[in-house]
Amino acid sequence: MRHGWLAVLAVVAVGAGLATEASAQMPGDEEAILQVVRDLFDGMREKDEAKLRGVWHDEARLQSAAVDESGAPVLRSTPVEGFVSSIASSTAFLDEVTFDEVVRIDGHLATVWAPYNLFVNDSFQHCGVDAIQMIRTDDGWKIFQLTDTRTREGCDEGRRGN
């Protein structure tokens, strides 16, 4: 009888694990998450303040992992509102294109790793990676953290996305 209960417990444990795994991602999540990324960069190209504001969580942070003049690593922060305002009022055409995006999802948390190239007025500016974290909200997926890197070394300047 003891072995019977162990078998039942094992089945329940496996079932609970599968239920947790199944609830970790809903159908369409990956596409919805990538749409938020597209909306961010479409908003930049279009200088669309509403589209730009719509992708961010109220407590979002925007940062760059950079190096200072001496080559020491630093973390630079930009207020999201300042970012949105500066993009919307810029006279330059900003075209940030991502490619080879990798999406990871666990329940209400998602991470996107997106290599990118930035072009300003059709001139290559720099490349890097956008590390984007999102949370599922009642209004859909929202960015709560975006940290990028920026470099001019090792870039494939001709890469304009998929």
Protein backbone atom coordinates (compact mmCIF):
# COMPACT_ATOMS: atom_id res chain seq x y z
CA MET A 1 0.00 0.00 0.00
CA ARG A 2 2.87 2.36 0.76
CA HIS A 3 4.14 2.05 -2.81
CA GLY A 4 0.66 2.82 -4.16
CA TRP A 5 0.56 6.16 -2.35
CA LEU A 6 4.07 6.98 -3.56
CA ALA A 7 2.95 6.35 -7.14
CA VAL A 8 -0.09 8.60 -6.64
CA LEU A 9 2.08 11.35 -5.14
CA ALA A 10 4.53 11.06 -8.04
CA VAL A 11 1.70 11.40 -10.57
CA VAL A 12 0.29 14.42 -8.71
CA ALA A 13 3.74 16.03 -8.53
CA VAL A 14 4.38 15.50 -12.24
CA GLY A 15 0.91 16.83 -13.06
CA ALA A 16 1.47 19.92 -10.94
CA GLY A 17 4.79 20.51 -12.68
CA LEU A 18 3.18 20.24 -16.10
CA ALA A 19 0.38 22.60 -15.06
CA THR A 20 2.94 25.14 -13.87
CA GLU A 21 4.94 24.78 -17.08
CA ALA A 22 1.81 25.11 -19.20
CA SER A 23 0.78 28.30 -17.40
CA ALA A 24 4.23 29.82 -17.84
CA GLN A 25 3.47 30.83 -21.41
CA MET A 26 0.19 31.56 -23.12
CA PRO A 27 -0.37 31.10 -26.86
CA GLY A 28 0.71 34.19 -28.74
CA ASP A 29 2.94 35.56 -25.97
CA GLU A 30 6.12 35.54 -28.02
CA GLU A 31 4.47 37.37 -30.92
CA ALA A 32 2.85 39.89 -28.52
CA ILE A 33 6.22 40.53 -26.87
CA LEU A 34 7.98 41.05 -30.20
CA GLN A 35 5.16 43.39 -31.25
CA VAL A 36 5.98 45.61 -28.25
CA VAL A 37 9.60 45.75 -29.47
CA ARG A 38 8.42 46.61 -33.00
CA ASP A 39 6.07 49.28 -31.60
CA LEU A 40 8.96 50.86 -29.68
CA PHE A 41 11.17 51.18 -32.75
CA ASP A 42 8.29 52.05 -35.10
CA GLY A 43 7.40 54.80 -32.61
CA MET A 44 10.97 56.08 -32.82
CA ARG A 45 10.91 56.11 -36.63
CA GLU A 46 7.45 57.76 -36.69
CA LYS A 47 8.16 60.14 -33.78
CA ASP A 48 4.85 58.93 -32.37
CA GLU A 49 4.72 59.94 -28.69
CA ALA A 50 1.59 57.90 -27.97
CA LYS A 51 3.11 54.75 -29.45
CA LEU A 52 6.37 55.35 -27.59
CA ARG A 53 4.65 55.96 -24.26
CA GLY A 54 2.36 52.96 -24.77
CA VAL A 55 5.14 50.36 -24.56
CA TRP A 56 6.49 51.39 -21.14
CA HIS A 57 5.39 50.30 -17.67
CA ASP A 58 4.84 53.20 -15.25
CA GLU A 59 7.95 52.18 -13.27
CA ALA A 60 10.19 51.56 -16.29
CA ARG A 61 13.92 52.27 -16.42
CA LEU A 62 16.06 52.95 -19.47
CA GLN A 63 19.80 52.42 -19.11
CA SER A 64 22.99 51.94 -21.10
CA ALA A 65 25.89 49.73 -20.11
CA ALA A 66 28.76 51.85 -21.36
CA VAL A 67 32.35 52.80 -20.66
CA ASP A 68 33.63 56.17 -19.48
CA GLU A 69 36.55 58.13 -20.92
CA SER A 70 39.06 55.92 -19.09
CA GLY A 71 37.44 52.71 -20.37
CA ALA A 72 35.86 51.80 -17.01
CA PRO A 73 32.36 50.27 -17.16
CA VAL A 74 29.49 52.58 -16.18
CA LEU A 75 25.72 52.39 -16.11
CA ARG A 76 24.01 55.45 -17.55
CA SER A 77 20.33 56.10 -16.89
CA THR A 78 17.88 58.10 -18.99
CA PRO A 79 14.40 58.97 -17.73
CA VAL A 80 11.83 57.31 -19.98
CA GLU A 81 9.87 60.56 -20.30
CA GLY A 82 13.05 62.36 -21.37
CA PHE A 83 13.74 59.65 -23.95
CA VAL A 84 10.21 59.88 -25.38
CA SER A 85 10.29 63.69 -25.52
CA SER A 86 13.71 63.81 -27.13
CA ILE A 87 12.73 61.28 -29.81
CA ALA A 88 9.44 63.04 -30.56
CA SER A 89 11.11 66.45 -30.90
CA SER A 90 14.19 65.28 -32.83
CA THR A 91 14.60 66.46 -36.39
CA ALA A 92 16.75 63.44 -37.20
CA PHE A 93 15.32 60.24 -38.67
CA LEU A 94 16.16 57.50 -36.18
CA ASP A 95 16.06 53.93 -37.42
CA GLU A 96 16.97 51.28 -34.87
CA VAL A 97 16.69 47.82 -36.41
CA THR A 98 16.84 44.63 -34.38
CA PHE A 99 17.56 41.14 -35.61
CA ASP A 100 18.05 37.61 -34.30
CA GLU A 101 15.81 38.37 -31.31
CA VAL A 102 15.67 35.75 -28.56
CA VAL A 103 12.59 35.70 -26.30
CA ARG A 104 12.39 33.94 -22.93
CA ILE A 105 9.14 33.79 -20.98
CA ASP A 106 8.27 32.59 -17.49
CA GLY A 107 4.74 33.39 -16.40
CA HIS A 108 4.32 37.16 -16.36
CA LEU A 109 8.02 37.90 -16.98
CA ALA A 110 9.68 38.05 -20.38
CA THR A 111 13.15 38.93 -21.58
CA VAL A 112 14.14 39.86 -25.12
CA TRP A 113 17.79 39.84 -26.21
CA ALA A 114 17.94 41.85 -29.43
CA PRO A 115 21.10 42.76 -31.32
CA TYR A 116 20.59 46.05 -33.17
CA ASN A 117 22.02 48.63 -35.53
CA LEU A 118 21.16 52.31 -35.15
CA PHE A 119 21.01 54.56 -38.19
CA VAL A 120 20.57 58.32 -37.94
CA ASN A 121 19.43 59.99 -41.17
CA ASP A 122 20.39 56.75 -42.99
CA SER A 123 23.95 56.95 -41.66
CA PHE A 124 25.18 54.09 -39.47
CA GLN A 125 25.66 55.32 -35.88
CA HIS A 126 26.46 52.26 -33.75
CA CYS A 127 25.43 48.70 -32.93
CA GLY A 128 24.83 46.81 -29.73
CA VAL A 129 22.32 44.71 -27.87
CA ASP A 130 19.01 45.70 -26.32
CA ALA A 131 18.28 43.62 -23.21
CA ILE A 132 14.57 44.20 -22.65
CA GLN A 133 12.54 42.95 -19.71
CA MET A 134 8.76 43.00 -19.80
CA ILE A 135 5.89 42.22 -17.50
CA ARG A 136 2.43 41.04 -18.49
CA THR A 137 -0.16 43.59 -17.32
CA ASP A 138 -3.91 43.93 -17.72
CA ASP A 139 -3.06 46.13 -20.74
CA GLY A 140 -0.69 43.59 -22.29
CA TRP A 141 3.10 43.26 -22.18
CA LYS A 142 4.96 46.38 -21.01
CA ILE A 143 8.68 47.17 -20.89
CA PHE A 144 9.89 47.77 -17.34
CA GLN A 145 13.62 47.66 -18.05
CA LEU A 146 15.62 48.29 -21.20
CA THR A 147 19.38 48.25 -21.00
CA ASP A 148 21.49 48.59 -24.12
CA THR A 149 25.11 48.39 -25.11
CA ARG A 150 26.68 50.62 -27.76
CA THR A 151 29.75 50.07 -29.85
CA ARG A 152 31.16 50.78 -33.29
CA GLU A 153 33.46 47.76 -33.24
CA GLY A 154 32.52 44.44 -34.83
CA CYS A 155 29.27 45.80 -36.29
CA ASP A 156 27.64 44.51 -39.46
CA GLU A 157 26.69 47.99 -40.64
CA GLY A 158 24.69 46.71 -43.59
CA ARG A 159 22.34 44.66 -41.44
CA ARG A 160 18.87 46.17 -41.55
CA GLY A 161 16.87 43.46 -39.77
CA ASN A 162 15.23 40.23 -40.90
